[in-house]
Amino acid sequence: MKTGNRIIAVIITSLLVSCSFGSKPAPITEANFLTLADVTGRPTLREDSPDVRIINVKAKALIKKQDTLAAKRKAMENAAIIAVETMVRELMSAEDYNRRYEEIERYLSKNIDKYIVDREANGAKKIYLGKFYGVSATFKVNRQKVLVALQKDLRIIDASGSTLVTVVTSRKDLDLAAIGYRFSDIEDSLMNQIQTELNQRGLKALDFRNAVASLQADPKMKAAFSKVSKKQFMAMVAGSKAGDAALDKQMQDAEAFYATGLSILKKLAKVVVEVNIMSVSKTGNNMALNLNVTAKNISVGSGGAFANTIVQVARRAGPNTDDSAMLTGLIKDAYEDMNRSFIPQIIKEMSTIDVIGDKLVRYELVMKGYSGREFRNTRKLIENAQADNFRFINFDNSLKDAKPSINRVFVRYAGKTSKLADTILDLLDGANLSADEPIIAPGLTDLVFEKTVEK
């Protein structure tokens, strides 16, 4: 009996061994087709300075000769380029960016690490049937260095795209005569300090007077803008109705003037900062200054106040300190107080406010399962569909013999990702080359169009 069991065990073992050596490796199935949508991670980098931005991106690279380490490095390089490009788009107007994105890309890509403060790969895995290595990465991008490259080196940034207008106002009936000052003394000193500091940070600060003078220098804009007082300006920024806007009596059609005036202001600036002088006091050798500072996003109708703070500063004069030096010191103290929290909020907001218009973003259209003539037809359809908001860049068919075939088309598109997907699906449907709807997710610029298989 034992001998019989031993014989049966030997037979079973032999069968298992023969099956394991004789069978082929299990083929890669469709279920293994992972995309960048499957690559996720949790970032740990944080914005610790107003001069940097944290940008999360996803990118990939072809795995050559099974060298996944090299592919990961290349994927991180590609991700860095996308992160810096994202920062560039935030700083520029759509018109300027769409006209010169190729020049910008060539210049910045020469030394992309110059603009990166820190980076981390928070997710990584093989995707596209193991042909590519995908990464989810986070970059700390130096906004200031990117801005310098665009302004100083390339000389192409639209100054109005990162401009704020500052207005110094005061409480009604604020009497400064008792301490020997005029309101204009404080106004001029504040404006000089604000303009100097913010210009050094890469923001073009204009006071109300310069703003109006700038607009009136253009005859067409002057005709539309006419004359605006500081009170009218602040009324427009506050979003009050035309009837409450304190318009000059000689103005005709107040509603039209109000709408036109605000629209022109939006062309000039993204943000208006109001520095309201609440009180100035002097007791013996002591002097104090109280300010209420508010920043408002006026670039879009849905904007509004996003930063507000009360600044209270005081100084004691020495035996040889004159009043003008005292005032200058107080103004510097007030700005230093603003600089601790208020100014960083402004810089961050102006980095993320988008000007009117959509910018051409790079996308990769992955055509899965379209081989031979089908892909050639698809490529031609995409190329012939070019428009102001849709550009064909190039294609890659190096994996056309993969199973299933993987062909890629590189484009730029200005608009929502879902609209781009609909455009491609309509093109395919029109040529009887239907596809399943691609995965669309925030930050995902790879759209996979899988050929529909008839069942």
Protein backbone atom coordinates (compact mmCIF):
# COMPACT_ATOMS: atom_id res chain seq x y z
CA MET A 1 0.00 0.00 0.00
CA LYS A 2 2.82 2.37 0.89
CA THR A 3 4.58 1.44 -2.37
CA GLY A 4 1.43 2.29 -4.33
CA ASN A 5 1.12 5.70 -2.68
CA ARG A 6 4.77 6.40 -3.40
CA ILE A 7 4.28 5.60 -7.09
CA ILE A 8 1.23 7.92 -7.31
CA ALA A 9 3.18 10.74 -5.61
CA VAL A 10 6.08 10.34 -8.07
CA ILE A 11 3.67 10.47 -11.04
CA ILE A 12 1.98 13.66 -9.74
CA THR A 13 5.33 15.31 -9.04
CA SER A 14 6.56 14.43 -12.53
CA LEU A 15 3.47 15.91 -14.10
CA LEU A 16 3.81 19.15 -12.13
CA VAL A 17 7.50 19.48 -12.99
CA SER A 18 6.91 18.78 -16.67
CA CYS A 19 4.09 21.34 -16.79
CA SER A 20 6.16 24.03 -15.11
CA PHE A 21 9.15 23.56 -17.43
CA GLY A 22 7.17 23.04 -20.58
CA SER A 23 4.63 25.87 -20.24
CA LYS A 24 5.24 29.41 -21.60
CA PRO A 25 5.21 32.47 -19.31
CA ALA A 26 1.74 33.87 -18.79
CA PRO A 27 1.15 36.58 -21.41
CA ILE A 28 0.62 40.17 -20.34
CA THR A 29 -3.09 40.78 -20.39
CA GLU A 30 -5.14 43.92 -20.94
CA ALA A 31 -5.68 44.06 -17.19
CA ASN A 32 -1.97 44.88 -16.81
CA PHE A 33 -2.23 48.00 -18.98
CA LEU A 34 -1.56 50.64 -16.35
CA THR A 35 -1.37 54.35 -17.21
CA LEU A 36 -0.20 57.47 -15.40
CA ALA A 37 -3.64 57.63 -13.83
CA ASP A 38 -2.57 54.59 -11.79
CA VAL A 39 0.60 56.25 -10.51
CA THR A 40 -0.16 58.11 -7.30
CA GLY A 41 1.61 59.32 -4.20
CA ARG A 42 1.39 61.74 -1.31
CA PRO A 43 3.71 64.78 -1.49
CA THR A 44 5.63 65.96 1.55
CA LEU A 45 7.25 69.15 0.21
CA ARG A 46 5.69 72.40 1.47
CA GLU A 47 5.76 76.03 0.39
CA ASP A 48 8.03 77.67 2.95
CA SER A 49 8.69 80.92 1.10
CA PRO A 50 6.67 83.33 -1.04
CA ASP A 51 9.32 82.96 -3.75
CA VAL A 52 8.61 79.26 -4.37
CA ARG A 53 5.65 77.22 -5.60
CA ILE A 54 4.86 73.56 -4.98
CA ILE A 55 3.80 71.89 -8.23
CA ASN A 56 2.67 68.27 -8.57
CA VAL A 57 3.07 66.58 -11.95
CA LYS A 58 3.10 63.16 -13.56
CA ALA A 59 5.46 62.06 -16.30
CA LYS A 60 6.95 58.93 -17.84
CA ALA A 61 9.91 57.65 -19.86
CA LEU A 62 10.52 54.70 -22.16
CA ILE A 63 12.32 51.77 -20.54
CA LYS A 64 15.31 50.94 -22.77
CA LYS A 65 17.19 47.65 -22.44
CA GLN A 66 15.28 46.85 -19.23
CA ASP A 67 17.08 49.71 -17.44
CA THR A 68 14.31 50.92 -15.13
CA LEU A 69 16.68 53.11 -13.09
CA ALA A 70 17.64 55.13 -16.15
CA ALA A 71 13.98 55.34 -17.14
CA LYS A 72 13.05 56.68 -13.71
CA ARG A 73 15.73 59.37 -13.93
CA LYS A 74 14.48 60.38 -17.36
CA ALA A 75 10.88 60.42 -16.13
CA MET A 76 11.89 62.79 -13.30
CA GLU A 77 13.68 65.01 -15.83
CA ASN A 78 10.52 65.14 -17.94
CA ALA A 79 8.46 65.91 -14.85
CA ALA A 80 10.80 68.79 -13.92
CA ILE A 81 10.32 70.32 -17.38
CA ILE A 82 6.55 70.10 -17.00
CA ALA A 83 6.69 71.67 -13.52
CA VAL A 84 8.74 74.67 -14.66
CA GLU A 85 6.52 75.07 -17.71
CA THR A 86 3.50 75.13 -15.39
CA MET A 87 5.14 77.95 -13.43
CA VAL A 88 5.79 79.84 -16.67
CA ARG A 89 2.15 79.59 -17.72
CA GLU A 90 1.05 81.00 -14.37
CA LEU A 91 3.26 84.06 -14.87
CA MET A 92 2.37 84.87 -18.47
CA SER A 93 -0.65 86.04 -20.38
CA ALA A 94 -2.22 83.51 -22.73
CA GLU A 95 -1.48 85.64 -25.78
CA ASP A 96 2.24 85.95 -25.07
CA TYR A 97 2.67 82.34 -23.97
CA ASN A 98 0.85 80.80 -26.94
CA ARG A 99 2.87 82.89 -29.35
CA ARG A 100 6.29 82.04 -27.93
CA TYR A 101 6.03 78.77 -25.98
CA GLU A 102 8.53 77.05 -28.30
CA GLU A 103 11.18 79.69 -27.61
CA ILE A 104 10.51 79.53 -23.88
CA GLU A 105 10.73 75.73 -23.88
CA ARG A 106 14.08 75.74 -25.72
CA TYR A 107 15.60 78.31 -23.39
CA LEU A 108 14.45 76.88 -20.06
CA SER A 109 15.20 73.24 -20.95
CA LYS A 110 18.92 74.02 -21.31
CA ASN A 111 19.32 74.22 -17.54
CA ILE A 112 16.05 73.13 -15.98
CA ASP A 113 17.62 72.35 -12.59
CA LYS A 114 18.40 76.05 -12.15
CA TYR A 115 14.74 76.69 -11.42
CA ILE A 116 14.15 73.71 -9.12
CA VAL A 117 14.75 74.16 -5.36
CA ASP A 118 13.77 70.64 -4.31
CA ARG A 119 12.02 67.56 -5.70
CA GLU A 120 10.63 64.20 -4.69
CA ALA A 121 9.15 61.17 -6.42
CA ASN A 122 6.13 60.23 -4.34
CA GLY A 123 4.89 57.44 -6.61
CA ALA A 124 6.40 55.28 -9.36
CA LYS A 125 5.66 52.09 -11.31
CA LYS A 126 5.90 50.45 -14.71
CA ILE A 127 3.05 51.38 -17.02
CA TYR A 128 1.90 50.75 -20.61
CA LEU A 129 2.50 46.99 -20.52
CA GLY A 130 5.81 47.55 -18.76
CA LYS A 131 7.20 49.58 -21.67
CA PHE A 132 7.34 52.86 -19.72
CA TYR A 133 8.25 53.97 -16.22
CA GLY A 134 5.82 56.50 -14.75
CA VAL A 135 6.37 58.82 -11.81
CA SER A 136 4.18 61.07 -9.70
CA ALA A 137 6.50 63.85 -8.55
CA THR A 138 6.47 67.06 -6.55
CA PHE A 139 8.71 70.03 -7.29
CA LYS A 140 9.51 73.17 -5.38
CA VAL A 141 9.94 75.70 -8.20
CA ASN A 142 11.71 79.03 -7.68
CA ARG A 143 9.17 81.50 -8.97
CA GLN A 144 11.63 84.39 -8.80
CA LYS A 145 14.27 82.73 -11.01
CA VAL A 146 11.66 81.77 -13.60
CA LEU A 147 10.37 85.34 -13.58
CA VAL A 148 13.90 86.72 -14.05
CA ALA A 149 14.42 84.39 -17.02
CA LEU A 150 11.24 85.62 -18.66
CA GLN A 151 11.75 89.30 -17.89
CA LYS A 152 15.50 89.82 -18.10
CA ASP A 153 16.85 87.01 -20.26
CA LEU A 154 14.04 86.45 -22.73
CA ARG A 155 12.36 89.85 -22.38
CA ILE A 156 8.98 88.42 -23.26
CA ILE A 157 6.86 88.51 -20.11
CA ASP A 158 3.75 90.64 -20.21
CA ALA A 159 4.26 93.13 -17.41
CA SER A 160 0.51 93.56 -16.95
CA GLY A 161 0.25 89.85 -16.21
CA SER A 162 1.97 90.31 -12.85
CA THR A 163 1.11 93.88 -11.91
CA LEU A 164 -0.58 95.28 -8.85
CA VAL A 165 -1.91 98.78 -8.29
CA THR A 166 -1.47 100.26 -4.84
CA VAL A 167 -3.65 103.01 -3.43
CA VAL A 168 -2.98 104.91 -0.22
CA THR A 169 -6.09 106.28 1.43
CA SER A 170 -6.90 107.66 4.87
CA ARG A 171 -9.72 107.90 7.33
CA LYS A 172 -12.07 110.75 6.70
CA ASP A 173 -10.97 114.02 8.35
CA LEU A 174 -7.59 112.63 9.40
CA ASP A 175 -5.81 115.76 10.60
CA LEU A 176 -2.02 115.60 10.52
CA ALA A 177 -1.36 119.31 11.02
CA ALA A 178 -0.86 118.89 14.76
CA ILE A 179 2.25 116.82 14.22
CA GLY A 180 3.59 118.85 11.33
CA TYR A 181 2.94 116.42 8.47
CA ARG A 182 0.92 116.40 5.30
CA PHE A 183 -0.97 113.33 4.15
CA SER A 184 1.04 113.36 0.90
CA ASP A 185 4.28 112.94 2.92
CA ILE A 186 3.12 109.59 4.27
CA GLU A 187 1.51 108.61 0.96
CA ASP A 188 4.69 109.26 -1.02
CA SER A 189 6.90 107.46 1.50
CA LEU A 190 4.60 104.41 1.61
CA MET A 191 4.37 104.23 -2.16
CA ASN A 192 8.14 104.47 -2.54
CA GLN A 193 8.69 101.64 -0.05
CA ILE A 194 6.03 99.38 -1.53
CA GLN A 195 7.11 99.92 -5.12
CA THR A 196 10.78 99.36 -4.35
CA GLU A 197 10.24 96.15 -2.41
CA LEU A 198 7.70 94.58 -4.75
CA ASN A 199 9.65 95.47 -7.87
CA GLN A 200 12.64 93.66 -6.38
CA ARG A 201 10.42 90.60 -5.94
CA GLY A 202 9.52 90.65 -9.61
CA LEU A 203 6.13 92.34 -9.33
CA LYS A 204 5.52 95.61 -11.11
CA ALA A 205 3.89 97.87 -8.53
CA LEU A 206 2.03 100.91 -9.83
CA ASP A 207 0.36 103.51 -7.65
CA PHE A 208 -2.99 104.97 -8.62
CA ARG A 209 -1.47 108.07 -10.20
CA ASN A 210 0.91 106.06 -12.40
CA ALA A 211 -1.91 103.69 -13.33
CA VAL A 212 -4.14 106.47 -14.59
CA ALA A 213 -1.23 108.18 -16.37
CA SER A 214 -0.34 104.89 -18.04
CA LEU A 215 -3.87 104.42 -19.31
CA GLN A 216 -4.19 108.01 -20.50
CA ALA A 217 -0.99 107.69 -22.52
CA ASP A 218 -2.95 105.56 -24.99
CA PRO A 219 -5.48 107.76 -26.88
CA LYS A 220 -7.96 104.91 -27.36
CA MET A 221 -7.84 103.88 -23.72
CA LYS A 222 -8.00 107.49 -22.61
CA ALA A 223 -11.19 108.02 -24.57
CA ALA A 224 -12.76 105.01 -22.88
CA PHE A 225 -11.36 105.67 -19.42
CA SER A 226 -11.73 109.47 -19.28
CA LYS A 227 -11.00 110.97 -15.86
CA VAL A 228 -11.18 108.92 -12.71
CA SER A 229 -10.73 110.16 -9.17
CA LYS A 230 -9.23 108.08 -6.40
CA LYS A 231 -12.69 107.80 -4.86
CA GLN A 232 -14.12 106.49 -8.12
CA PHE A 233 -11.23 104.09 -8.48
CA MET A 234 -11.78 102.60 -5.04
CA ALA A 235 -15.54 102.43 -5.65
CA MET A 236 -14.94 100.38 -8.79
CA VAL A 237 -12.51 98.09 -7.05
CA ALA A 238 -14.96 97.62 -4.20
CA GLY A 239 -17.54 96.44 -6.71
CA SER A 240 -20.17 99.01 -5.74
CA LYS A 241 -23.05 99.84 -8.03
CA ALA A 242 -22.66 102.70 -10.48
CA GLY A 243 -25.11 104.79 -8.49
CA ASP A 244 -22.83 104.57 -5.46
CA ALA A 245 -19.58 104.97 -7.35
CA ALA A 246 -19.28 108.73 -6.74
CA LEU A 247 -18.87 109.42 -10.46
CA ASP A 248 -18.23 112.98 -11.59
CA LYS A 249 -21.39 114.92 -12.34
CA GLN A 250 -20.29 115.60 -15.90
CA MET A 251 -20.13 111.89 -16.66
CA GLN A 252 -22.86 110.67 -18.92
CA ASP A 253 -24.15 107.09 -18.94
CA ALA A 254 -22.68 106.17 -15.57
CA GLU A 255 -23.37 102.44 -15.94
CA ALA A 256 -21.41 102.24 -19.18
CA PHE A 257 -18.54 104.26 -17.70
CA TYR A 258 -18.41 102.05 -14.65
CA ALA A 259 -18.30 98.84 -16.68
CA THR A 260 -15.69 100.21 -19.09
CA GLY A 261 -13.51 101.66 -16.36
CA LEU A 262 -13.35 98.40 -14.46
CA SER A 263 -12.65 96.36 -17.61
CA ILE A 264 -9.70 98.60 -18.41
CA LEU A 265 -8.41 98.31 -14.87
CA LYS A 266 -8.45 94.54 -15.29
CA LYS A 267 -6.16 94.94 -18.28
CA LEU A 268 -3.74 96.86 -16.13
CA ALA A 269 -3.59 94.80 -12.96
CA LYS A 270 -4.43 91.54 -11.27
CA VAL A 271 -4.52 92.87 -7.73
CA VAL A 272 -5.27 96.18 -6.07
CA VAL A 273 -3.77 96.84 -2.64
CA GLU A 274 -5.36 99.53 -0.50
CA VAL A 275 -3.26 100.90 2.34
CA ASN A 276 -5.66 102.80 4.57
CA ILE A 277 -4.01 105.08 7.14
CA MET A 278 -6.14 104.80 10.26
CA SER A 279 -4.19 107.08 12.58
CA VAL A 280 -0.91 108.86 13.11
CA SER A 281 -0.04 110.06 16.58
CA LYS A 282 2.89 111.75 18.29
CA THR A 283 3.38 112.03 22.04
CA GLY A 284 6.62 113.57 23.15
CA ASN A 285 9.39 111.60 21.47
CA ASN A 286 7.04 108.72 20.57
CA MET A 287 5.27 108.33 17.24
CA ALA A 288 2.81 105.60 16.16
CA LEU A 289 1.27 104.64 12.82
CA ASN A 290 -1.78 102.39 12.33
CA LEU A 291 -2.67 100.96 8.90
CA ASN A 292 -5.43 98.72 7.57
CA VAL A 293 -4.18 96.91 4.46
CA THR A 294 -6.42 94.99 2.04
CA ALA A 295 -5.61 93.14 -1.19
CA LYS A 296 -8.30 92.39 -3.77
CA ASN A 297 -8.19 90.25 -6.90
CA ILE A 298 -9.83 92.29 -9.67
CA SER A 299 -8.71 90.17 -12.64
CA VAL A 300 -11.99 88.24 -12.72
CA GLY A 301 -15.55 89.00 -11.74
CA SER A 302 -15.49 86.28 -9.11
CA GLY A 303 -12.48 87.81 -7.40
CA GLY A 304 -12.53 89.63 -4.10
CA ALA A 305 -10.52 90.47 -1.02
CA PHE A 306 -8.12 87.66 -0.19
CA ALA A 307 -5.80 89.29 2.35
CA ASN A 308 -6.36 91.81 5.11
CA THR A 309 -4.28 92.89 8.07
CA ILE A 310 -3.94 95.62 10.69
CA VAL A 311 -0.44 97.07 11.01
CA GLN A 312 0.51 98.93 14.18
CA VAL A 313 4.05 100.30 14.54
CA ALA A 314 5.67 102.76 16.95
CA ARG A 315 9.08 104.35 17.46
CA ARG A 316 10.85 106.44 20.07
CA ALA A 317 12.99 109.24 18.72
CA GLY A 318 16.51 109.88 19.86
CA PRO A 319 17.80 113.32 20.88
CA ASN A 320 19.06 114.07 17.36
CA THR A 321 16.33 112.37 15.32
CA ASP A 322 14.39 114.69 13.02
CA ASP A 323 10.78 114.20 12.05
CA SER A 324 11.46 113.08 8.47
CA ALA A 325 13.80 110.30 9.62
CA MET A 326 11.16 109.29 12.17
CA LEU A 327 8.54 109.01 9.45
CA THR A 328 10.85 107.03 7.17
CA GLY A 329 11.61 104.58 9.98
CA LEU A 330 7.91 104.10 10.75
CA ILE A 331 7.12 103.38 7.10
CA LYS A 332 9.89 100.78 6.93
CA ASP A 333 8.62 99.18 10.13
CA ALA A 334 5.10 99.05 8.70
CA TYR A 335 6.30 97.38 5.53
CA GLU A 336 8.38 94.85 7.47
CA ASP A 337 5.27 93.96 9.45
CA MET A 338 3.29 93.56 6.20
CA ASN A 339 6.10 91.49 4.76
CA ARG A 340 5.77 88.79 7.40
CA SER A 341 2.36 87.54 6.24
CA PHE A 342 0.49 90.01 4.06
CA ILE A 343 2.98 90.37 1.19
CA PRO A 344 3.57 86.59 0.89
CA GLN A 345 -0.18 86.16 0.46
CA ILE A 346 -0.16 88.71 -2.36
CA ILE A 347 2.75 87.04 -4.12
CA LYS A 348 1.18 83.61 -3.83
CA GLU A 349 -2.16 84.89 -5.11
CA MET A 350 -0.59 86.68 -8.06
CA SER A 351 1.32 83.52 -8.93
CA THR A 352 -1.90 81.55 -9.24
CA ILE A 353 -4.29 84.09 -10.76
CA ASP A 354 -4.77 83.25 -14.40
CA VAL A 355 -5.28 86.06 -16.87
CA ILE A 356 -8.12 85.90 -19.36
CA GLY A 357 -7.61 83.23 -22.02
CA ASP A 358 -6.42 79.63 -22.17
CA LYS A 359 -2.80 78.63 -22.67
CA LEU A 360 -1.51 75.85 -24.89
CA VAL A 361 -0.66 72.91 -22.64
CA ARG A 362 1.32 69.92 -23.90
CA TYR A 363 -0.61 66.65 -24.11
CA GLU A 364 0.28 63.15 -25.20
CA LEU A 365 -2.41 61.19 -27.02
CA VAL A 366 -1.74 57.47 -26.65
CA MET A 367 -3.45 55.44 -29.40
CA LYS A 368 -3.74 51.88 -28.12
CA GLY A 369 -4.63 49.10 -30.54
CA TYR A 370 -4.49 51.24 -33.71
CA SER A 371 -1.91 49.74 -36.03
CA GLY A 372 -0.68 50.27 -39.57
CA ARG A 373 -3.04 52.30 -41.73
CA GLU A 374 -5.38 52.99 -38.81
CA PHE A 375 -2.74 54.97 -36.96
CA ARG A 376 -1.63 56.81 -40.11
CA ASN A 377 -5.21 57.89 -40.70
CA THR A 378 -5.59 58.91 -37.06
CA ARG A 379 -2.38 60.94 -37.17
CA LYS A 380 -3.48 62.77 -40.31
CA LEU A 381 -6.90 63.50 -38.83
CA ILE A 382 -5.28 65.10 -35.78
CA GLU A 383 -2.80 67.07 -37.86
CA ASN A 384 -5.53 68.40 -40.19
CA ALA A 385 -7.65 69.46 -37.22
CA GLN A 386 -5.15 72.11 -36.10
CA ALA A 387 -6.56 75.44 -34.96
CA ASP A 388 -5.58 78.41 -32.79
CA ASN A 389 -6.25 76.34 -29.67
CA PHE A 390 -5.00 73.01 -31.01
CA ARG A 391 -1.50 72.32 -32.38
CA PHE A 392 -0.04 69.10 -33.74
CA ILE A 393 3.59 68.79 -32.59
CA ASN A 394 4.94 65.33 -33.47
CA PHE A 395 4.35 61.59 -33.11
CA ASP A 396 6.20 58.44 -32.00
CA ASN A 397 5.47 55.00 -33.48
CA SER A 398 8.52 53.19 -32.08
CA LEU A 399 6.18 50.75 -30.28
CA LYS A 400 3.87 50.13 -33.22
CA ASP A 401 4.72 46.39 -33.14
CA ALA A 402 3.86 45.96 -29.48
CA LYS A 403 0.89 43.76 -28.60
CA PRO A 404 -1.34 45.73 -28.53
CA SER A 405 0.32 48.50 -30.55
CA ILE A 406 1.16 51.73 -28.72
CA ASN A 407 1.48 54.86 -30.86
CA ARG A 408 1.78 58.36 -29.44
CA VAL A 409 0.82 61.78 -30.81
CA PHE A 410 2.13 64.95 -29.16
CA VAL A 411 -0.11 68.02 -29.26
CA ARG A 412 -0.77 71.29 -27.44
CA TYR A 413 -4.27 72.30 -26.53
CA ALA A 414 -5.79 75.40 -24.90
CA GLY A 415 -8.87 74.44 -22.96
CA LYS A 416 -10.29 71.77 -20.69
CA THR A 417 -8.88 68.26 -20.95
CA SER A 418 -12.40 66.89 -21.37
CA LYS A 419 -12.91 69.10 -24.44
CA LEU A 420 -9.69 67.78 -25.97
CA ALA A 421 -10.86 64.22 -25.35
CA ASP A 422 -14.20 64.98 -27.02
CA THR A 423 -12.40 66.50 -30.02
CA ILE A 424 -10.29 63.38 -30.55
CA LEU A 425 -13.26 61.04 -30.04
CA ASP A 426 -15.26 62.98 -32.63
CA LEU A 427 -12.38 62.71 -35.12
CA LEU A 428 -12.14 58.96 -34.59
CA ASP A 429 -15.90 58.46 -34.86
CA GLY A 430 -15.95 60.42 -38.13
CA ALA A 431 -13.38 58.02 -39.60
CA ASN A 432 -15.10 54.90 -38.22
CA LEU A 433 -12.22 54.40 -35.78
CA SER A 434 -14.12 54.47 -32.53
CA ALA A 435 -12.43 54.43 -29.13
CA ASP A 436 -13.36 54.10 -25.50
CA GLU A 437 -13.46 57.33 -23.52
CA PRO A 438 -10.05 58.02 -21.92
CA ILE A 439 -9.40 58.52 -18.23
CA ILE A 440 -9.45 62.22 -17.34
CA ALA A 441 -8.05 63.37 -14.01
CA PRO A 442 -6.47 66.57 -12.57
CA GLY A 443 -2.84 66.94 -13.58
CA LEU A 444 -3.05 64.11 -16.11
CA THR A 445 -1.80 65.10 -19.57
CA ASP A 446 -1.62 61.60 -21.06
CA LEU A 447 -4.90 60.55 -22.65
CA VAL A 448 -5.14 56.90 -23.66
CA PHE A 449 -7.55 56.18 -26.53
CA GLU A 450 -8.17 52.43 -26.70
CA LYS A 451 -9.64 51.05 -29.91
CA THR A 452 -13.11 49.73 -29.31
CA VAL A 453 -13.23 45.96 -29.87
CA GLU A 454 -16.48 44.71 -31.33
CA LYS A 455 -17.90 41.84 -29.32
